[in-house]
């Protein structure tokens, strides 16, 4: 049977013979937008109606990151019925099939989504899909343009304001991001992306205690979140404790009980946990807090010698390189680094140019882990600017640790004057961050300057402000 046209959750036509298929598609929409851990529900749509084009192409997209070997059959099923599909289904098919093609041009993939959203602006899952692409392109400007394009017809919709807030964050528009995040939170207090945006703003503005209190109030709504979103929200909480100079034991408690413990769940996605765990540990180690964390990095590195976790995300690979080299797994680290270089060599020339900085950062973290500070600094360069490294798939907040590393390397290699320039640039944005004042105290001490004492006093004053 061809099936009849039914309406999905956006009100767009989908050809299917099964109400159960439409129900599964709508459940998938909710899982994507709410960062749920049951996105596999889209596979139920293909079981209920193996001929539904929309169900098949959405399931194929899901499987490309979950079990890519099964995706081609679903793509073929979607293609075989494409002439009978609705105009909406055809638009989604065109956008997704190009997105998952191995030789895609990212700019064209974005253009296809612009067109899709122009014609079907209520499709917030397609908006989310292309915003993820923009994130990995390091293009928050495009991400913002896309959400602003569809906002007029979605002004009262759930999840839209969290999607508005994030590119605003990445563009440094903190007041607008806070306003958008709070609007999303007002519509749905359990929206994790709006919660995340609000915390992000508080953290950036050094409102650490306020951020922790807000997120602790929200935490009861996180049990159904994906491994990434669950541990990422706790990562933010841990960072607020760390930056606000709470006892390091408190940071360790979050690491143990709220990040690593996610691995105990049968449906956990370990790579998503490792990304947040390593991102936290690198900050801890730059702050010399490794004694309190004992063998945790070594234990994590032992897991990450497993190549199943390599080449999933550039950001994760870069952090793994540091963990492996720091813990003496040099052969494994070198294999990972060679693999990254090999993958770049197979990219298009355009993609190679954009990933050049990512490889330099990978080399720097490998050298830093080995203790080769001077060589690590050479790979980062003296004029390092973390905002140029979004292409690895990291937010400004995730990239900030590499700015801290850069400053630390300048100090460790005897370049306090350059370090002061880098620190003062950061202080213009976040003068309430105690660690930056500690850096400044150290730099001026190395120069034998009397200002060091006053900067130290400022650091201690701020350290006593947040969690005492």
Protein backbone atom coordinates (compact mmCIF):
# COMPACT_ATOMS: atom_id res chain seq x y z
CA UNK A 1 0.00 0.00 0.00
CA UNK A 2 1.19 3.51 -0.79
CA UNK A 3 -0.18 4.87 2.44
CA UNK A 4 -2.02 8.14 2.89
CA UNK A 5 -0.77 11.57 3.85
CA UNK A 6 -0.69 12.08 7.60
CA UNK A 7 0.55 15.09 9.56
CA UNK A 8 3.65 14.96 11.74
CA UNK A 9 4.24 17.02 14.88
CA UNK A 10 5.10 20.11 12.84
CA UNK A 11 1.89 19.82 10.83
CA UNK A 12 3.73 18.72 7.65
CA UNK A 13 2.57 15.92 5.37
CA UNK A 14 4.17 12.49 5.60
CA UNK A 15 3.08 9.55 3.44
CA UNK A 16 2.63 6.49 5.60
CA UNK A 17 0.17 3.68 6.19
CA UNK A 18 0.94 3.63 9.92
CA UNK A 19 -0.07 5.86 12.82
CA UNK A 20 2.62 4.07 14.84
CA UNK A 21 5.25 5.30 12.38
CA UNK A 22 4.11 8.92 12.79
CA UNK A 23 4.12 8.45 16.56
CA UNK A 24 7.70 7.16 16.48
CA UNK A 25 8.79 10.07 14.26
CA UNK A 26 7.24 12.55 16.67
CA UNK A 27 8.90 10.82 19.62
CA UNK A 28 12.22 11.08 17.80
CA UNK A 29 11.66 14.82 17.35
CA UNK A 30 11.21 15.15 21.10
CA UNK A 31 14.27 13.07 21.89
CA UNK A 32 16.49 15.17 19.62
CA UNK A 33 15.29 18.52 20.93
CA UNK A 34 15.31 17.47 24.58
CA UNK A 35 18.73 15.74 24.34
CA UNK A 36 17.04 12.50 25.33
CA UNK A 37 18.83 9.17 25.44
CA UNK A 38 16.25 7.31 23.35
CA UNK A 39 16.82 8.70 19.85
CA UNK A 40 16.81 5.09 18.65
CA UNK A 41 13.00 5.33 18.80
CA UNK A 42 13.21 6.45 15.14
CA UNK A 43 13.98 2.83 14.24
CA UNK A 44 10.45 1.95 15.37
CA UNK A 45 9.14 4.15 12.55
CA UNK A 46 10.87 1.96 9.96
CA UNK A 47 9.49 -1.20 11.55
CA UNK A 48 5.95 0.15 11.58
CA UNK A 49 6.19 1.32 7.97
CA UNK A 50 9.26 0.12 6.01
CA UNK A 51 8.16 2.27 3.04
CA UNK A 52 7.93 5.66 4.80
CA UNK A 53 10.55 7.96 3.25
CA UNK A 54 10.79 10.30 6.24
CA UNK A 55 11.13 7.48 8.76
CA UNK A 56 13.82 5.79 6.70
CA UNK A 57 15.98 8.84 6.05
CA UNK A 58 15.80 10.07 9.66
CA UNK A 59 16.69 6.56 10.84
CA UNK A 60 19.62 6.47 8.39
CA UNK A 61 20.90 9.78 9.77
CA UNK A 62 20.64 8.44 13.32
CA UNK A 63 22.50 5.25 12.39
CA UNK A 64 25.35 7.14 10.74
CA UNK A 65 26.56 7.94 14.25
CA UNK A 66 25.27 4.80 15.98
CA UNK A 67 25.73 1.88 13.53
CA UNK A 68 26.68 3.11 10.08
CA UNK A 69 26.68 -0.37 8.52
CA UNK A 70 22.87 -0.45 8.71
CA UNK A 71 22.28 2.97 7.16
CA UNK A 72 22.59 2.05 3.43
CA UNK A 73 19.56 -0.28 3.54
CA UNK A 74 17.42 2.50 4.97
CA UNK A 75 18.72 5.00 2.42
CA UNK A 76 17.83 2.58 -0.37
CA UNK A 77 14.36 2.10 1.11
CA UNK A 78 13.82 5.87 1.20
CA UNK A 79 15.06 6.30 -2.38
CA UNK A 80 12.78 3.56 -3.68
CA UNK A 81 9.65 5.40 -2.50
CA UNK A 82 10.84 8.98 -3.02
CA UNK A 83 8.55 9.70 -5.98
CA UNK A 84 5.53 9.00 -3.77
CA UNK A 85 6.72 11.16 -0.86
CA UNK A 86 5.40 14.57 0.15
CA UNK A 87 7.29 17.73 -0.77
CA UNK A 88 8.37 18.02 2.88
CA UNK A 89 9.77 14.50 2.93
CA UNK A 90 11.65 15.14 -0.32
CA UNK A 91 13.19 18.32 1.11
CA UNK A 92 14.32 16.51 4.27
CA UNK A 93 15.66 13.63 2.18
CA UNK A 94 17.70 15.97 -0.04
CA UNK A 95 19.18 17.81 2.96
CA UNK A 96 20.02 14.68 4.95
CA UNK A 97 21.34 12.55 2.07
CA UNK A 98 23.80 15.30 1.19
CA UNK A 99 24.74 15.86 4.83
CA UNK A 100 25.74 12.22 5.29
CA UNK A 101 27.59 11.92 1.98
CA UNK A 102 31.33 11.34 2.58
CA UNK A 103 32.51 14.07 0.20
CA UNK A 104 30.03 16.77 1.14
CA UNK A 105 30.82 20.46 1.04
CA UNK A 106 29.73 21.90 4.40
CA UNK A 107 28.67 25.23 2.90
CA UNK A 108 26.36 23.50 0.44
CA UNK A 109 24.93 21.32 3.21
CA UNK A 110 24.04 24.50 5.10
CA UNK A 111 22.50 26.02 1.97
CA UNK A 112 20.24 23.00 1.54
CA UNK A 113 19.04 23.40 5.11
CA UNK A 114 18.46 27.12 4.62
CA UNK A 115 16.16 26.23 1.73
CA UNK A 116 14.44 23.45 3.68
CA UNK A 117 13.77 25.78 6.61
CA UNK A 118 12.58 28.54 4.33
CA UNK A 119 9.89 26.23 3.00
CA UNK A 120 9.21 24.33 6.24
CA UNK A 121 10.14 26.68 9.11
CA UNK A 122 8.41 24.68 11.85
CA UNK A 123 10.84 21.78 11.48
CA UNK A 124 12.98 22.41 14.56
CA UNK A 125 14.79 19.07 14.24
CA UNK A 126 16.17 20.13 10.86
CA UNK A 127 17.17 23.41 12.51
CA UNK A 128 18.94 21.47 15.27
CA UNK A 129 20.65 19.23 12.70
CA UNK A 130 22.10 22.15 10.75
CA UNK A 131 23.06 24.01 13.92
CA UNK A 132 25.18 21.01 14.88
CA UNK A 133 26.85 21.22 11.47
CA UNK A 134 27.48 24.95 11.97
CA UNK A 135 29.04 24.15 15.35
CA UNK A 136 31.57 21.80 13.75
CA UNK A 137 32.23 24.39 11.05
CA UNK A 138 32.99 26.98 13.72
CA UNK A 139 30.26 29.23 12.29
CA UNK A 140 27.97 30.53 15.05
CA UNK A 141 27.05 33.41 12.74
CA UNK A 142 25.37 31.00 10.31
CA UNK A 143 23.73 29.16 13.20
CA UNK A 144 22.22 32.40 14.45
CA UNK A 145 21.03 33.37 10.96
CA UNK A 146 19.25 30.03 10.62
CA UNK A 147 17.40 30.26 13.93
CA UNK A 148 16.44 33.88 13.32
CA UNK A 149 15.03 32.83 9.95
CA UNK A 150 12.48 30.51 11.57
CA UNK A 151 11.89 32.35 14.85
CA UNK A 152 8.90 34.45 13.66
CA UNK A 153 6.73 31.32 13.16
CA UNK A 154 8.03 29.59 16.31
CA UNK A 155 7.90 32.40 18.89
CA UNK A 156 6.00 30.38 21.47
CA UNK A 157 7.52 26.99 20.71
CA UNK A 158 9.42 24.81 23.13
CA UNK A 159 13.20 24.48 22.58
CA UNK A 160 13.56 27.33 20.05
CA UNK A 161 15.07 29.78 22.55
CA UNK A 162 17.77 27.40 23.72
CA UNK A 163 18.73 27.08 20.06
CA UNK A 164 18.74 30.87 19.79
CA UNK A 165 20.82 31.29 22.95
CA UNK A 166 23.75 29.08 21.96
CA UNK A 167 25.01 30.96 18.87
CA UNK A 168 24.52 34.20 20.81
CA UNK A 169 26.85 32.78 23.47
CA UNK A 170 29.40 31.84 20.86
CA UNK A 171 29.26 35.33 19.38
CA UNK A 172 29.90 36.89 22.79
CA UNK A 173 26.42 38.41 23.08
CA UNK A 174 25.97 37.36 26.69
CA UNK A 175 23.06 39.63 27.63
CA UNK A 176 21.05 38.50 24.60
CA UNK A 177 21.98 34.87 25.30
CA UNK A 178 20.78 35.15 28.90
CA UNK A 179 17.52 36.70 27.77
CA UNK A 180 16.95 33.91 25.23
CA UNK A 181 17.90 31.18 27.69
CA UNK A 182 15.52 32.53 30.32
CA UNK A 183 12.72 32.77 27.76
CA UNK A 184 13.27 29.10 26.89
CA UNK A 185 13.39 28.20 30.59
CA UNK A 186 10.14 30.10 31.13
CA UNK A 187 8.43 28.01 28.45
CA UNK A 188 9.90 24.72 29.71
CA UNK A 189 11.91 24.52 32.90
CA UNK A 190 13.19 21.07 31.89
CA UNK A 191 14.75 22.23 28.60
CA UNK A 192 18.41 21.27 29.14
CA UNK A 193 19.73 23.51 26.35
CA UNK A 194 18.10 26.59 27.90
CA UNK A 195 19.39 25.54 31.32
CA UNK A 196 22.83 25.10 29.80
CA UNK A 197 22.72 28.55 28.19
CA UNK A 198 21.83 30.27 31.46
CA UNK A 199 24.63 28.45 33.29
CA UNK A 200 27.03 29.31 30.47
CA UNK A 201 26.28 33.02 30.90
CA UNK A 202 26.59 32.91 34.69
CA UNK A 203 29.88 31.06 34.43
CA UNK A 204 31.31 33.48 31.86
CA UNK A 205 30.30 36.40 34.07
CA UNK A 206 31.95 34.72 37.08
CA UNK A 207 28.63 34.32 38.88
CA UNK A 208 29.84 30.91 40.00
CA UNK A 209 27.72 30.39 43.10
CA UNK A 210 24.59 31.53 41.27
CA UNK A 211 25.36 29.11 38.44
CA UNK A 212 25.85 26.16 40.79
CA UNK A 213 22.65 26.89 42.70
CA UNK A 214 20.69 27.21 39.47
CA UNK A 215 22.04 23.98 38.01
CA UNK A 216 21.58 22.02 41.23
CA UNK A 217 17.93 23.06 41.16
CA UNK A 218 17.66 21.83 37.56
CA UNK A 219 19.55 18.57 38.08
CA UNK A 220 16.46 16.56 39.00
CA UNK A 221 15.34 16.87 35.37
CA UNK A 222 18.57 15.39 33.93
CA UNK A 223 18.11 11.65 34.48
CA UNK A 224 16.63 11.10 31.01
CA UNK A 225 19.33 13.09 29.20
CA UNK A 226 21.89 11.62 26.80
CA UNK A 227 25.30 10.77 28.21
CA UNK A 228 26.76 13.90 26.64
CA UNK A 229 24.17 16.35 27.91
CA UNK A 230 23.98 14.80 31.39
CA UNK A 231 27.74 14.85 31.95
CA UNK A 232 28.18 18.18 30.14
CA UNK A 233 25.78 19.93 32.49
CA UNK A 234 27.67 18.45 35.44
CA UNK A 235 30.94 19.49 33.75
CA UNK A 236 29.69 23.07 33.89
CA UNK A 237 28.90 22.69 37.58
CA UNK A 238 32.36 21.27 38.24
CA UNK A 239 33.98 24.14 36.34
CA UNK A 240 32.08 26.69 38.41
CA UNK A 241 33.41 25.05 41.57
CA UNK A 242 36.90 24.94 40.08
CA UNK A 243 36.92 28.52 38.82
CA UNK A 244 35.24 29.79 41.97
CA UNK A 245 38.01 28.19 44.06
CA UNK A 246 35.82 25.72 45.92
CA UNK A 247 37.79 22.92 47.62
CA UNK A 248 39.26 20.64 44.97
CA UNK A 249 37.59 17.72 46.72
CA UNK A 250 34.24 19.19 45.64
CA UNK A 251 35.36 19.14 42.02
CA UNK A 252 36.54 15.56 42.47
CA UNK A 253 33.15 14.59 43.91
CA UNK A 254 31.36 15.91 40.81
CA UNK A 255 33.84 14.05 38.61
CA UNK A 256 33.31 10.76 40.45
CA UNK A 257 29.60 10.88 41.24
CA UNK A 258 28.12 12.86 38.35
CA UNK A 259 30.43 12.34 35.37
CA UNK A 260 32.28 9.01 35.62
CA UNK A 261 29.31 7.30 37.28
CA UNK A 262 27.35 7.76 34.05
CA UNK A 263 29.46 4.87 32.71
CA UNK A 264 27.62 2.53 35.09
CA UNK A 265 24.42 2.94 33.09
CA UNK A 266 23.75 0.19 30.57
CA UNK A 267 22.73 2.71 27.91
CA UNK A 268 25.68 5.08 28.46
CA UNK A 269 27.72 6.30 25.49
CA UNK A 270 31.27 6.20 26.89
CA UNK A 271 32.87 8.57 24.35
CA UNK A 272 30.44 11.31 25.38
CA UNK A 273 31.41 10.82 29.02
CA UNK A 274 35.14 10.76 28.27
CA UNK A 275 34.93 14.11 26.46
CA UNK A 276 33.60 15.87 29.54
CA UNK A 277 35.80 13.93 31.95
CA UNK A 278 38.99 14.79 30.06
CA UNK A 279 37.96 18.40 29.59
CA UNK A 280 37.63 18.71 33.35
CA UNK A 281 40.85 16.85 34.16
CA UNK A 282 42.94 19.04 31.84
CA UNK A 283 41.80 22.13 33.75
CA UNK A 284 42.53 20.43 37.04
CA UNK A 285 46.05 19.52 35.93
CA UNK A 286 46.81 23.02 34.66
CA UNK A 287 45.86 24.17 38.17
CA UNK A 288 48.15 21.56 39.77
CA UNK A 289 45.24 19.73 41.36
CA UNK A 290 46.38 16.31 40.17
CA UNK A 291 47.40 15.05 43.63
CA UNK A 292 43.81 15.22 44.85
CA UNK A 293 42.64 13.35 41.75
CA UNK A 294 45.18 10.56 42.37
CA UNK A 295 45.15 7.89 39.62
CA UNK A 296 41.98 9.03 37.87
CA UNK A 297 43.73 10.27 34.73
CA UNK A 298 45.76 7.06 34.48
CA UNK A 299 42.60 4.98 34.85
CA UNK A 300 40.90 7.01 32.14
CA UNK A 301 43.91 6.79 29.82
CA UNK A 302 43.89 3.01 30.17
CA UNK A 303 40.36 3.00 28.75
CA UNK A 304 41.37 5.38 25.97
CA UNK A 305 44.09 3.13 24.60
CA UNK A 306 41.11 1.37 23.00
CA UNK A 307 41.03 2.67 19.42
CA UNK A 308 37.26 2.31 19.33
CA UNK A 309 37.19 5.75 20.96
CA UNK A 310 39.54 7.36 18.47
CA UNK A 311 38.58 9.44 15.43
CA UNK A 312 35.05 10.12 16.63
CA UNK A 313 35.53 13.82 17.37
CA UNK A 314 38.56 16.07 16.91
CA UNK A 315 38.00 17.65 20.31
CA UNK A 316 37.99 14.26 22.00
CA UNK A 317 41.03 13.06 20.03
CA UNK A 318 43.02 16.12 21.12
CA UNK A 319 42.17 15.51 24.78
CA UNK A 320 42.98 11.81 24.42
CA UNK A 321 46.40 12.72 23.01
CA UNK A 322 47.16 14.71 26.15
CA UNK A 323 45.94 11.92 28.44
CA UNK A 324 47.92 9.21 26.65
CA UNK A 325 51.15 11.19 26.42
CA UNK A 326 50.93 12.45 30.00
CA UNK A 327 50.46 8.95 31.39
CA UNK A 328 53.31 7.48 29.35
CA UNK A 329 51.27 5.73 26.67
CA UNK A 330 53.52 7.30 24.04
CA UNK A 331 53.24 4.57 21.41
CA UNK A 332 49.45 4.82 21.52
CA UNK A 333 49.59 8.62 21.45
CA UNK A 334 51.86 8.54 18.40
CA UNK A 335 49.51 6.11 16.65
CA UNK A 336 46.59 8.46 17.31
CA UNK A 337 48.52 11.46 16.05
CA UNK A 338 49.58 9.61 12.89
CA UNK A 339 45.97 8.62 12.34
CA UNK A 340 44.81 12.23 12.58
CA UNK A 341 47.43 13.29 10.04
CA UNK A 342 46.35 10.49 7.72
CA UNK A 343 42.72 11.55 7.96
CA UNK A 344 43.60 15.13 7.11
CA UNK A 345 45.55 13.98 4.06
CA UNK A 346 42.37 12.34 2.72
CA UNK A 347 40.25 15.48 3.14
CA UNK A 348 39.48 17.95 0.37
CA UNK A 349 41.93 20.84 0.05
CA UNK A 350 39.29 23.17 1.45
CA UNK A 351 38.74 20.98 4.51
CA UNK A 352 42.49 20.49 4.98
CA UNK A 353 42.98 24.26 5.22
CA UNK A 354 40.26 24.58 7.83
CA UNK A 355 41.62 21.67 9.92
CA UNK A 356 45.24 22.88 9.92
CA UNK A 357 44.78 24.61 13.27
CA UNK A 358 43.16 21.50 14.72
CA UNK A 359 46.23 19.46 13.90
CA UNK A 360 48.53 22.10 15.41
CA UNK A 361 46.49 21.95 18.61
CA UNK A 362 46.72 18.16 18.62
CA UNK A 363 50.52 18.36 18.25
CA UNK A 364 50.67 20.90 21.08
CA UNK A 365 48.68 18.72 23.48
CA UNK A 366 50.81 15.71 22.63
CA UNK A 367 53.99 17.68 23.37
CA UNK A 368 52.52 19.20 26.53
CA UNK A 369 51.55 15.77 27.83
CA UNK A 370 55.15 14.64 27.32
CA UNK A 371 56.44 17.66 29.22
CA UNK A 372 57.94 19.35 26.15
CA UNK A 373 56.63 22.81 27.03
CA UNK A 374 58.75 24.74 24.57
CA UNK A 375 57.72 22.57 21.62
CA UNK A 376 54.08 22.68 22.73
CA UNK A 377 54.24 26.48 22.72
CA UNK A 378 55.74 26.47 19.23
CA UNK A 379 52.73 24.54 17.94
CA UNK A 380 50.29 26.94 19.65
CA UNK A 381 52.22 30.03 18.61
CA UNK A 382 52.85 33.13 20.69
CA UNK A 383 49.71 34.89 19.43
CA UNK A 384 47.36 31.99 20.19
CA UNK A 385 43.65 32.86 20.05
CA UNK A 386 41.33 30.03 21.06
CA UNK A 387 38.38 31.45 19.12
CA UNK A 388 40.17 30.39 15.93
CA UNK A 389 39.90 26.73 16.96
CA UNK A 390 36.12 26.21 16.99
CA UNK A 391 36.61 23.90 14.01
CA UNK A 392 37.57 21.05 16.38
CA UNK A 393 33.96 21.00 17.58
CA UNK A 394 34.28 22.90 20.84
CA UNK A 395 32.46 25.85 22.38
CA UNK A 396 34.20 28.95 23.67
CA UNK A 397 33.91 27.55 27.19
CA UNK A 398 35.49 24.26 26.13
CA UNK A 399 38.25 26.10 24.26
CA UNK A 400 39.05 28.32 27.22
CA UNK A 401 41.22 25.61 28.74
CA UNK A 402 43.59 25.92 25.80
CA UNK A 403 43.93 29.64 26.52
CA UNK A 404 44.86 28.72 30.10
CA UNK A 405 47.35 26.20 28.72
CA UNK A 406 48.87 28.83 26.43
CA UNK A 407 49.39 31.24 29.33
CA UNK A 408 50.82 28.44 31.47
CA UNK A 409 53.27 27.51 28.69
CA UNK A 410 54.40 31.12 28.31
CA UNK A 411 55.15 31.23 32.02
CA UNK A 412 56.78 27.80 32.07
CA UNK A 413 59.09 28.74 29.21
CA UNK A 414 60.18 32.04 30.74
CA UNK A 415 58.07 34.52 28.77
CA UNK A 416 56.22 36.48 31.48
CA UNK A 417 55.81 39.65 29.39
CA UNK A 418 53.95 37.80 26.66
CA UNK A 419 51.96 35.97 29.33
CA UNK A 420 50.87 39.30 30.82
CA UNK A 421 49.52 40.41 27.44
CA UNK A 422 47.51 37.21 27.13
CA UNK A 423 46.25 37.41 30.72
CA UNK A 424 45.16 41.03 30.41
CA UNK A 425 43.23 40.17 27.26
CA UNK A 426 41.30 37.55 29.24
CA UNK A 427 40.76 39.85 32.23
CA UNK A 428 38.97 42.34 30.00
CA UNK A 429 36.33 39.65 29.54
CA UNK A 430 36.41 37.90 32.94
CA UNK A 431 37.94 40.05 35.63
CA UNK A 432 36.18 38.03 38.32
CA UNK A 433 38.16 34.84 37.57
CA UNK A 434 40.65 34.26 40.44
CA UNK A 435 42.94 31.99 38.42
CA UNK A 436 43.72 34.76 35.94
CA UNK A 437 44.88 36.99 38.80
CA UNK A 438 47.03 34.11 40.08
CA UNK A 439 48.60 33.92 36.64
CA UNK A 440 49.19 37.67 36.70
CA UNK A 441 50.78 37.49 40.15
CA UNK A 442 53.14 34.77 38.93
CA UNK A 443 54.07 36.69 35.77
CA UNK A 444 54.88 39.89 37.64
CA UNK A 445 56.82 37.92 40.26
CA UNK A 446 58.97 36.45 37.51
CA UNK A 447 59.74 40.00 36.38
CA UNK A 448 60.52 41.05 39.94
CA UNK A 449 57.80 43.69 39.85
CA UNK A 450 56.17 44.97 43.03
CA UNK A 451 52.68 44.82 41.46
CA UNK A 452 52.79 41.05 42.00
CA UNK A 453 51.73 41.43 45.64
CA UNK A 454 48.61 43.43 44.84
CA UNK A 455 47.59 40.96 42.12
CA UNK A 456 48.05 38.15 44.59
CA UNK A 457 45.82 39.97 47.07
CA UNK A 458 43.20 40.40 44.36
CA UNK A 459 43.32 36.66 43.63
CA UNK A 460 42.90 35.75 47.32
CA UNK A 461 40.08 38.24 47.70
CA UNK A 462 38.18 36.68 44.79
CA UNK A 463 38.93 33.15 45.94
CA UNK A 464 37.25 33.96 49.24
CA UNK A 465 34.19 35.43 47.53
CA UNK A 466 32.36 32.52 45.95
CA UNK A 467 32.23 29.34 48.04
CA UNK A 468 33.50 30.21 51.52
